[in-house]
N, C-alpha and C. Protein backbone atom coordinates (compact mmCIF):
# COMPACT_ATOMS: atom_id res chain seq x y z
N MET A 1 -70.62 -49.69 20.67
CA MET A 1 -69.63 -49.37 21.82
C MET A 1 -70.29 -49.92 23.29
N SER A 2 -71.57 -50.37 23.41
CA SER A 2 -71.59 -50.89 24.84
C SER A 2 -71.24 -51.60 25.17
N ARG A 3 -70.48 -52.43 24.27
CA ARG A 3 -70.39 -53.76 24.56
C ARG A 3 -68.46 -53.60 24.92
N TYR A 4 -68.03 -52.68 25.00
CA TYR A 4 -66.46 -52.56 25.59
C TYR A 4 -66.79 -50.99 26.92
N ASP A 5 -65.83 -51.82 28.05
CA ASP A 5 -66.22 -50.88 29.08
C ASP A 5 -65.05 -50.06 28.53
N HIS A 6 -65.21 -48.67 29.75
CA HIS A 6 -64.88 -47.45 29.13
C HIS A 6 -63.37 -47.49 29.67
N HIS A 7 -62.72 -48.32 30.60
CA HIS A 7 -61.35 -48.65 30.36
C HIS A 7 -60.64 -49.80 29.90
N ASP A 8 -61.58 -50.43 29.40
CA ASP A 8 -61.23 -50.97 28.10
C ASP A 8 -60.93 -50.14 27.18
N ILE A 9 -61.50 -49.22 26.70
CA ILE A 9 -60.88 -48.14 25.43
C ILE A 9 -59.83 -47.48 26.13
N LEU A 10 -59.88 -47.26 27.07
CA LEU A 10 -58.52 -46.67 28.10
C LEU A 10 -57.08 -47.13 27.37
N MET A 11 -56.95 -48.79 27.94
CA MET A 11 -56.54 -49.21 27.87
C MET A 11 -56.15 -48.95 26.53
N GLU A 12 -56.59 -49.70 25.68
CA GLU A 12 -56.37 -50.02 24.35
C GLU A 12 -55.84 -48.85 23.12
N LEU A 13 -56.21 -47.35 23.64
CA LEU A 13 -55.76 -46.07 23.29
C LEU A 13 -54.44 -45.66 24.02
N ILE A 14 -54.03 -46.69 24.68
CA ILE A 14 -52.60 -46.26 25.85
C ILE A 14 -51.87 -47.38 24.76
N GLU A 15 -52.21 -48.52 24.72
CA GLU A 15 -51.69 -48.90 24.13
C GLU A 15 -51.13 -49.29 22.10
N LEU A 16 -52.23 -48.10 21.61
CA LEU A 16 -52.09 -47.31 21.00
C LEU A 16 -51.32 -46.35 20.49
N CYS A 17 -50.99 -45.98 21.99
CA CYS A 17 -50.31 -44.78 21.58
C CYS A 17 -48.39 -45.34 22.04
N ARG A 18 -48.45 -46.67 22.37
CA ARG A 18 -47.17 -47.40 22.81
C ARG A 18 -46.55 -47.71 21.56
N GLU A 19 -47.81 -48.32 20.40
CA GLU A 19 -47.46 -48.62 19.28
C GLU A 19 -47.26 -47.64 18.72
N GLN A 20 -47.69 -46.57 18.41
CA GLN A 20 -47.15 -45.07 17.49
C GLN A 20 -46.06 -44.51 18.40
N LYS A 21 -45.44 -44.69 19.33
CA LYS A 21 -44.28 -44.56 19.87
C LYS A 21 -43.31 -45.12 18.81
N SER A 22 -43.19 -46.50 19.17
CA SER A 22 -42.49 -47.19 18.75
C SER A 22 -42.40 -47.03 17.56
N ASP A 23 -43.03 -46.82 16.38
CA ASP A 23 -43.20 -45.95 15.31
C ASP A 23 -42.46 -45.01 15.03
N ILE A 24 -42.07 -44.24 16.12
CA ILE A 24 -41.75 -42.68 15.73
C ILE A 24 -40.55 -43.25 15.99
N LEU A 25 -39.75 -44.26 16.85
CA LEU A 25 -38.84 -44.49 17.16
C LEU A 25 -37.56 -45.10 16.39
N GLN A 26 -38.61 -45.99 15.37
CA GLN A 26 -38.26 -45.96 14.22
C GLN A 26 -37.48 -45.33 13.47
N GLN A 27 -38.54 -44.18 12.73
CA GLN A 27 -38.70 -42.89 11.61
C GLN A 27 -37.22 -42.49 12.44
N LEU A 28 -37.23 -41.98 13.43
CA LEU A 28 -36.00 -41.40 14.48
C LEU A 28 -34.91 -41.97 13.77
N THR A 29 -34.56 -43.25 14.04
CA THR A 29 -33.45 -43.79 13.98
C THR A 29 -33.26 -43.74 12.11
N TYR A 30 -34.08 -43.90 11.18
CA TYR A 30 -33.71 -43.54 10.05
C TYR A 30 -33.72 -41.97 9.78
N TYR A 31 -34.17 -41.88 10.73
CA TYR A 31 -34.08 -40.09 10.16
C TYR A 31 -32.36 -39.05 10.69
N ARG A 32 -31.90 -40.11 11.54
CA ARG A 32 -30.55 -39.57 11.85
C ARG A 32 -29.45 -40.13 11.16
N ALA A 33 -29.92 -40.92 10.45
CA ALA A 33 -29.00 -42.23 9.38
C ALA A 33 -29.32 -41.60 8.09
N SER A 34 -30.26 -41.00 7.41
CA SER A 34 -31.03 -40.48 6.21
C SER A 34 -30.19 -38.83 6.03
N VAL A 35 -30.18 -39.27 4.33
CA VAL A 35 -30.07 -37.49 3.85
C VAL A 35 -31.06 -37.44 3.57
N TYR A 36 -32.59 -37.75 3.76
CA TYR A 36 -33.67 -37.53 3.37
C TYR A 36 -34.50 -36.28 4.52
N LYS A 37 -33.52 -35.51 5.19
CA LYS A 37 -34.03 -35.41 6.08
C LYS A 37 -35.35 -34.55 6.50
N THR A 38 -36.02 -34.05 5.33
CA THR A 38 -36.97 -33.30 5.51
C THR A 38 -38.17 -34.04 5.38
N GLU A 39 -37.96 -35.34 4.33
CA GLU A 39 -39.66 -35.89 4.11
C GLU A 39 -39.49 -36.79 5.81
N THR A 40 -38.08 -37.15 5.90
CA THR A 40 -38.57 -38.42 7.56
C THR A 40 -39.24 -37.05 8.64
N ALA A 41 -38.30 -36.39 8.32
CA ALA A 41 -38.62 -35.43 9.58
C ALA A 41 -40.59 -34.90 9.52
N LYS A 42 -40.89 -35.29 8.56
CA LYS A 42 -42.91 -34.50 8.14
C LYS A 42 -43.35 -35.71 8.31
N ILE A 43 -42.71 -36.76 8.00
CA ILE A 43 -43.65 -38.49 8.64
C ILE A 43 -43.34 -38.30 9.98
N ILE A 44 -42.30 -38.02 10.64
CA ILE A 44 -42.38 -38.10 12.55
C ILE A 44 -43.10 -36.77 13.16
N GLU A 45 -43.30 -35.58 12.28
CA GLU A 45 -44.64 -34.79 12.57
C GLU A 45 -45.91 -35.43 12.52
N ARG A 46 -46.08 -36.18 11.08
CA ARG A 46 -47.61 -36.91 11.37
C ARG A 46 -47.50 -37.54 12.25
N LYS A 47 -46.81 -38.63 12.60
CA LYS A 47 -47.07 -39.44 13.59
C LYS A 47 -46.60 -38.98 14.95
N VAL A 48 -46.32 -37.73 15.55
CA VAL A 48 -46.44 -37.43 16.33
C VAL A 48 -47.94 -36.31 16.63
N GLU A 49 -48.12 -36.04 15.33
CA GLU A 49 -50.24 -35.25 15.19
C GLU A 49 -50.97 -36.68 15.90
N LEU A 50 -50.63 -37.61 15.02
CA LEU A 50 -51.78 -38.93 15.56
C LEU A 50 -51.38 -39.38 16.74
N LEU A 51 -50.33 -39.12 17.23
CA LEU A 51 -50.16 -39.83 18.60
C LEU A 51 -50.85 -38.58 19.90
N LYS A 52 -50.87 -37.01 19.21
CA LYS A 52 -51.35 -36.34 19.99
C LYS A 52 -52.54 -36.39 20.09
N LEU A 53 -53.49 -36.80 19.14
CA LEU A 53 -55.06 -36.93 18.79
C LEU A 53 -55.22 -38.12 19.65
N VAL A 54 -54.77 -39.61 20.31
CA VAL A 54 -55.02 -40.45 20.92
C VAL A 54 -54.76 -39.68 22.08
N ALA A 55 -54.01 -39.10 22.84
CA ALA A 55 -53.58 -38.27 24.04
C ALA A 55 -55.02 -37.68 24.13
N ALA A 56 -55.33 -36.82 23.17
CA ALA A 56 -56.47 -35.78 23.26
C ALA A 56 -58.06 -36.63 23.06
N LEU A 57 -58.03 -37.98 22.65
CA LEU A 57 -58.95 -39.28 22.97
C LEU A 57 -58.86 -39.26 24.67
N ILE A 58 -57.59 -39.21 25.08
CA ILE A 58 -57.77 -40.13 26.40
C ILE A 58 -57.40 -39.56 27.38
N GLY A 59 -57.76 -37.56 27.09
CA GLY A 59 -57.96 -36.45 27.75
C GLY A 59 -57.26 -35.95 29.08
N ASP A 60 -56.29 -36.85 29.61
CA ASP A 60 -55.34 -36.73 30.63
C ASP A 60 -54.53 -35.31 30.86
N GLU A 61 -54.60 -34.58 31.15
CA GLU A 61 -54.15 -33.17 31.53
C GLU A 61 -52.92 -33.28 31.13
N VAL A 62 -52.23 -34.03 32.15
CA VAL A 62 -50.62 -33.81 32.16
C VAL A 62 -49.95 -34.45 30.71
N LEU A 63 -50.91 -35.32 30.35
CA LEU A 63 -50.90 -35.95 29.36
C LEU A 63 -50.37 -34.42 27.51
N LEU A 64 -51.70 -34.33 28.05
CA LEU A 64 -51.91 -32.94 26.66
C LEU A 64 -50.83 -31.65 27.34
N ASP A 65 -50.43 -31.59 28.35
CA ASP A 65 -49.77 -30.90 28.70
C ASP A 65 -47.89 -31.29 28.56
N ALA A 66 -47.62 -32.71 27.86
CA ALA A 66 -46.43 -33.13 27.60
C ALA A 66 -46.84 -32.81 26.09
N PHE A 67 -47.36 -32.31 25.21
CA PHE A 67 -47.79 -32.27 23.71
C PHE A 67 -47.50 -30.42 23.67
N HIS A 68 -48.12 -30.00 24.80
CA HIS A 68 -48.03 -28.17 24.92
C HIS A 68 -46.53 -28.04 25.03
N ASP A 69 -45.75 -28.90 25.78
CA ASP A 69 -44.78 -28.54 26.21
C ASP A 69 -43.73 -28.89 24.98
N TYR A 70 -44.10 -29.98 24.42
CA TYR A 70 -43.22 -30.00 22.52
C TYR A 70 -43.39 -28.95 21.98
N GLU A 71 -45.13 -28.99 21.59
CA GLU A 71 -45.14 -27.34 20.45
C GLU A 71 -44.50 -25.97 20.64
N GLU A 72 -44.18 -25.70 22.16
CA GLU A 72 -43.64 -24.73 22.69
C GLU A 72 -42.60 -24.98 22.11
N THR A 73 -41.70 -26.01 22.58
CA THR A 73 -39.82 -26.14 22.70
C THR A 73 -39.68 -26.04 20.70
N LYS A 74 -40.85 -26.64 20.35
CA LYS A 74 -40.62 -26.43 18.87
C LYS A 74 -40.45 -25.29 18.54
N ASN A 75 -41.24 -24.13 18.74
CA ASN A 75 -41.54 -22.72 18.47
C ASN A 75 -40.78 -21.96 19.03
N ASN A 76 -39.91 -22.15 20.37
CA ASN A 76 -38.80 -21.86 21.08
C ASN A 76 -37.60 -21.69 20.19
N GLY A 77 -37.18 -23.19 19.47
CA GLY A 77 -36.03 -22.82 18.73
C GLY A 77 -34.66 -24.02 19.91
N ASN A 78 -35.65 -24.02 20.69
CA ASN A 78 -34.75 -25.19 21.57
C ASN A 78 -33.18 -25.19 21.55
N ARG A 79 -33.41 -23.64 22.41
CA ARG A 79 -31.91 -22.63 22.86
C ARG A 79 -31.49 -23.73 23.62
N GLN A 80 -32.24 -24.65 24.56
CA GLN A 80 -30.94 -25.53 25.92
C GLN A 80 -30.48 -26.35 25.24
N ILE A 81 -30.43 -26.76 23.58
CA ILE A 81 -29.72 -28.22 23.04
C ILE A 81 -28.36 -27.75 23.67
N SER A 82 -27.80 -28.73 23.26
CA SER A 82 -26.18 -28.74 24.10
C SER A 82 -25.80 -28.77 21.99
N PRO A 83 -24.60 -27.71 21.52
CA PRO A 83 -24.20 -27.97 20.33
C PRO A 83 -24.33 -29.21 19.97
N GLY A 84 -24.45 -29.82 18.41
CA GLY A 84 -24.09 -31.00 18.07
C GLY A 84 -25.35 -31.92 18.11
N GLU A 85 -26.17 -31.44 19.32
CA GLU A 85 -27.20 -32.39 19.03
C GLU A 85 -28.47 -32.06 17.94
N CYS A 86 -29.23 -32.92 17.99
CA CYS A 86 -30.05 -32.48 16.45
C CYS A 86 -31.83 -32.44 17.27
N HIS A 87 -31.77 -31.05 17.00
CA HIS A 87 -33.22 -30.65 17.59
C HIS A 87 -34.53 -31.19 17.62
N LEU A 88 -34.46 -31.88 16.27
CA LEU A 88 -35.91 -32.71 16.27
C LEU A 88 -35.62 -34.23 17.17
N SER A 89 -34.70 -35.03 17.18
CA SER A 89 -34.32 -35.72 18.15
C SER A 89 -34.95 -35.27 19.69
N THR A 90 -33.94 -34.54 19.88
CA THR A 90 -34.27 -33.86 21.37
C THR A 90 -35.46 -33.47 22.04
N ARG A 91 -36.21 -32.96 20.88
CA ARG A 91 -37.67 -32.64 21.21
C ARG A 91 -38.40 -34.04 21.35
N ILE A 92 -38.29 -34.88 20.48
CA ILE A 92 -39.06 -36.15 20.00
C ILE A 92 -38.63 -37.01 21.38
N MET A 93 -37.28 -37.14 21.14
CA MET A 93 -37.12 -37.91 22.74
C MET A 93 -37.61 -37.42 24.07
N ASN A 94 -37.67 -36.10 23.94
CA ASN A 94 -38.48 -35.20 25.83
C ASN A 94 -39.35 -36.06 25.64
N LEU A 95 -40.53 -35.45 24.24
CA LEU A 95 -42.26 -35.77 24.14
C LEU A 95 -42.00 -37.41 24.98
N LEU A 96 -41.39 -38.41 24.51
CA LEU A 96 -41.61 -39.86 24.59
C LEU A 96 -41.42 -40.22 25.76
N GLN A 97 -39.93 -39.69 26.26
CA GLN A 97 -40.05 -39.71 27.70
C GLN A 97 -40.93 -39.45 28.57
N SER A 98 -41.82 -38.25 28.24
CA SER A 98 -42.66 -37.90 29.17
C SER A 98 -44.11 -38.79 29.26
N CYS A 99 -44.17 -38.95 27.97
CA CYS A 99 -45.55 -39.68 27.49
C CYS A 99 -45.13 -41.51 28.56
N ASP A 100 -44.23 -41.87 28.49
CA ASP A 100 -44.00 -43.47 29.09
C ASP A 100 -44.08 -42.99 30.41
N LYS A 101 -43.75 -41.80 30.73
CA LYS A 101 -43.74 -41.88 32.23
C LYS A 101 -45.49 -42.04 32.68
N ILE A 102 -45.89 -41.21 32.02
CA ILE A 102 -47.81 -40.73 32.35
C ILE A 102 -48.31 -41.69 31.74
N PHE A 103 -47.79 -42.46 30.53
CA PHE A 103 -48.87 -43.80 30.24
C PHE A 103 -48.38 -44.58 31.83
N ASP A 104 -47.61 -45.13 32.19
CA ASP A 104 -47.40 -45.78 33.53
C ASP A 104 -47.85 -45.59 34.57
N GLN A 105 -48.56 -43.86 34.73
CA GLN A 105 -49.24 -43.79 35.76
C GLN A 105 -50.48 -44.01 35.35
N LEU A 106 -50.50 -43.40 34.19
CA LEU A 106 -52.62 -44.01 33.66
C LEU A 106 -52.51 -45.46 33.94
N VAL A 107 -51.85 -46.20 33.19
CA VAL A 107 -52.03 -47.92 33.77
C VAL A 107 -52.21 -48.17 35.01
N GLY A 108 -52.06 -47.55 35.83
CA GLY A 108 -52.02 -47.86 37.42
C GLY A 108 -52.59 -47.13 37.78
N GLU A 109 -53.18 -46.45 37.35
CA GLU A 109 -55.15 -45.59 37.79
C GLU A 109 -55.73 -45.65 36.89
N ILE A 110 -55.68 -46.95 36.37
CA ILE A 110 -56.81 -46.96 35.36
C ILE A 110 -58.32 -47.28 35.59
N HIS A 111 -58.49 -47.49 36.97
CA HIS A 111 -59.90 -47.96 37.45
C HIS A 111 -60.43 -46.84 38.35
N LEU A 112 -59.23 -45.75 38.78
CA LEU A 112 -59.71 -45.13 39.40
C LEU A 112 -59.94 -43.56 38.63
N LYS A 113 -59.21 -43.95 37.20
CA LYS A 113 -59.97 -42.76 36.31
C LYS A 113 -61.43 -43.06 36.12
N THR A 114 -62.28 -41.68 36.29
CA THR A 114 -63.76 -41.76 35.60
C THR A 114 -64.38 -40.48 34.64
N ASN A 115 -64.27 -40.51 33.91
CA ASN A 115 -64.61 -40.04 32.83
C ASN A 115 -66.08 -39.29 32.88
N THR A 116 -66.42 -37.81 33.16
CA THR A 116 -67.28 -37.30 33.85
C THR A 116 -68.49 -37.86 32.86
N ASP A 117 -67.93 -37.48 31.15
CA ASP A 117 -69.02 -38.23 30.27
C ASP A 117 -69.13 -38.66 28.91
N ARG A 118 -69.26 -40.10 29.93
CA ARG A 118 -69.30 -41.19 29.08
C ARG A 118 -69.31 -41.32 27.59
N GLN A 119 -70.80 -40.31 27.46
CA GLN A 119 -71.32 -40.28 26.32
C GLN A 119 -70.66 -39.62 25.23
N LEU A 120 -69.81 -38.85 25.96
CA LEU A 120 -68.66 -37.60 25.29
C LEU A 120 -67.73 -38.34 24.64
N PHE A 121 -67.09 -39.21 25.47
CA PHE A 121 -66.11 -39.94 25.50
C PHE A 121 -66.28 -41.05 23.98
N ALA A 122 -67.38 -41.14 24.66
CA ALA A 122 -67.63 -42.69 23.34
C ALA A 122 -68.02 -41.95 21.36
N ARG A 123 -68.76 -41.00 21.94
CA ARG A 123 -68.88 -40.10 20.69
C ARG A 123 -67.49 -39.63 19.99
N ASN A 124 -66.63 -39.48 20.67
CA ASN A 124 -65.30 -38.93 20.22
C ASN A 124 -64.53 -39.94 19.55
N VAL A 125 -64.34 -41.38 20.35
CA VAL A 125 -63.88 -42.36 19.77
C VAL A 125 -64.14 -42.91 18.68
N GLN A 126 -65.68 -42.65 18.61
CA GLN A 126 -66.30 -43.22 17.24
C GLN A 126 -66.02 -42.60 16.24
N LYS A 127 -66.25 -41.06 16.55
CA LYS A 127 -65.69 -39.71 15.61
C LYS A 127 -64.65 -39.96 14.96
N HIS A 128 -63.50 -40.30 15.69
CA HIS A 128 -62.15 -40.54 15.21
C HIS A 128 -62.12 -41.93 15.28
N ARG A 129 -62.16 -43.06 14.80
CA ARG A 129 -62.43 -44.44 14.66
C ARG A 129 -61.60 -44.71 12.91
N GLY A 130 -61.84 -43.85 12.28
CA GLY A 130 -60.97 -43.94 10.84
C GLY A 130 -59.64 -43.22 10.76
N GLN A 131 -59.27 -42.32 11.40
CA GLN A 131 -58.17 -41.86 12.32
C GLN A 131 -57.14 -43.07 13.01
N LEU A 132 -58.08 -43.44 14.12
CA LEU A 132 -57.81 -45.07 14.93
C LEU A 132 -57.23 -46.05 14.15
N LEU A 133 -58.19 -46.28 13.29
CA LEU A 133 -57.88 -47.60 12.33
C LEU A 133 -56.59 -47.68 11.45
N SER A 134 -56.31 -46.29 11.12
CA SER A 134 -54.91 -46.18 10.08
C SER A 134 -54.20 -46.23 10.95
N MET A 135 -54.26 -45.99 12.30
CA MET A 135 -52.56 -45.65 13.00
C MET A 135 -52.44 -47.32 13.38
N CYS A 136 -53.25 -48.11 13.56
CA CYS A 136 -53.19 -49.73 13.16
C CYS A 136 -52.87 -50.61 12.22
N ARG A 137 -52.52 -51.90 12.48
CA ARG A 137 -51.70 -52.29 11.58
C ARG A 137 -52.84 -53.48 11.29
N GLN A 138 -53.39 -54.00 9.94
CA GLN A 138 -54.62 -53.99 9.69
C GLN A 138 -54.71 -55.67 9.95
N GLY A 139 -55.31 -56.19 10.29
CA GLY A 139 -55.88 -57.47 11.03
C GLY A 139 -54.98 -57.88 12.38
N THR A 140 -54.66 -56.97 13.04
CA THR A 140 -53.93 -57.14 13.96
C THR A 140 -55.38 -56.80 15.20
N ARG A 141 -54.62 -57.42 16.82
CA ARG A 141 -56.11 -57.35 17.61
C ARG A 141 -56.60 -55.91 18.19
N GLN A 142 -55.33 -55.22 17.65
CA GLN A 142 -56.12 -53.80 17.73
C GLN A 142 -56.86 -52.98 16.83
N TRP A 143 -56.38 -53.19 15.67
CA TRP A 143 -57.30 -52.72 14.30
C TRP A 143 -59.00 -53.83 14.32
N SER A 144 -58.96 -54.99 15.20
CA SER A 144 -59.92 -55.21 15.47
C SER A 144 -60.99 -54.74 16.48
N PHE A 145 -60.28 -54.47 17.87
CA PHE A 145 -60.78 -53.12 18.81
C PHE A 145 -61.19 -52.31 18.13
N PHE A 146 -60.77 -51.73 17.30
CA PHE A 146 -61.60 -50.26 16.95
C PHE A 146 -62.48 -50.70 16.15
N SER A 147 -62.11 -51.49 14.83
CA SER A 147 -63.60 -51.45 14.19
C SER A 147 -64.88 -51.88 14.53
N GLY A 148 -64.33 -52.73 15.81
CA GLY A 148 -65.69 -52.98 16.17
C GLY A 148 -66.09 -52.17 17.13
N ILE A 149 -65.91 -50.70 17.34
CA ILE A 149 -66.44 -49.62 17.81
C ILE A 149 -68.11 -49.09 16.74
């Protein structure tokens, strides 16, 4: 882990989140057209959980709040959704739009962000390395990066 800078790892985590977001959008497109809604919704929820794990590793409070808001709308029943709107699609799109804004902000401030406990950060990334690798396509640059940690 020592050969990678803290900021490099954060950038890779953000990039992994963006890749996961792209996968979620693909599944959401399939969900909208599919008759297998329950199965596809489970896949999407699993991908959101993986995205939440990476967000927790990044450790940004605003990013974690976006996931908290997502959970609240999930439990709240989405009362403010227009008739005819898909509850899952609306929740997912709101989450992803919030995450996009936060990721852009994080990238712009990456060198200002200092994690007070870099050793804890390193241990957490190493602890979840298997899950991070499962999110990457084998043989990609990201997979190589996280396999080398």
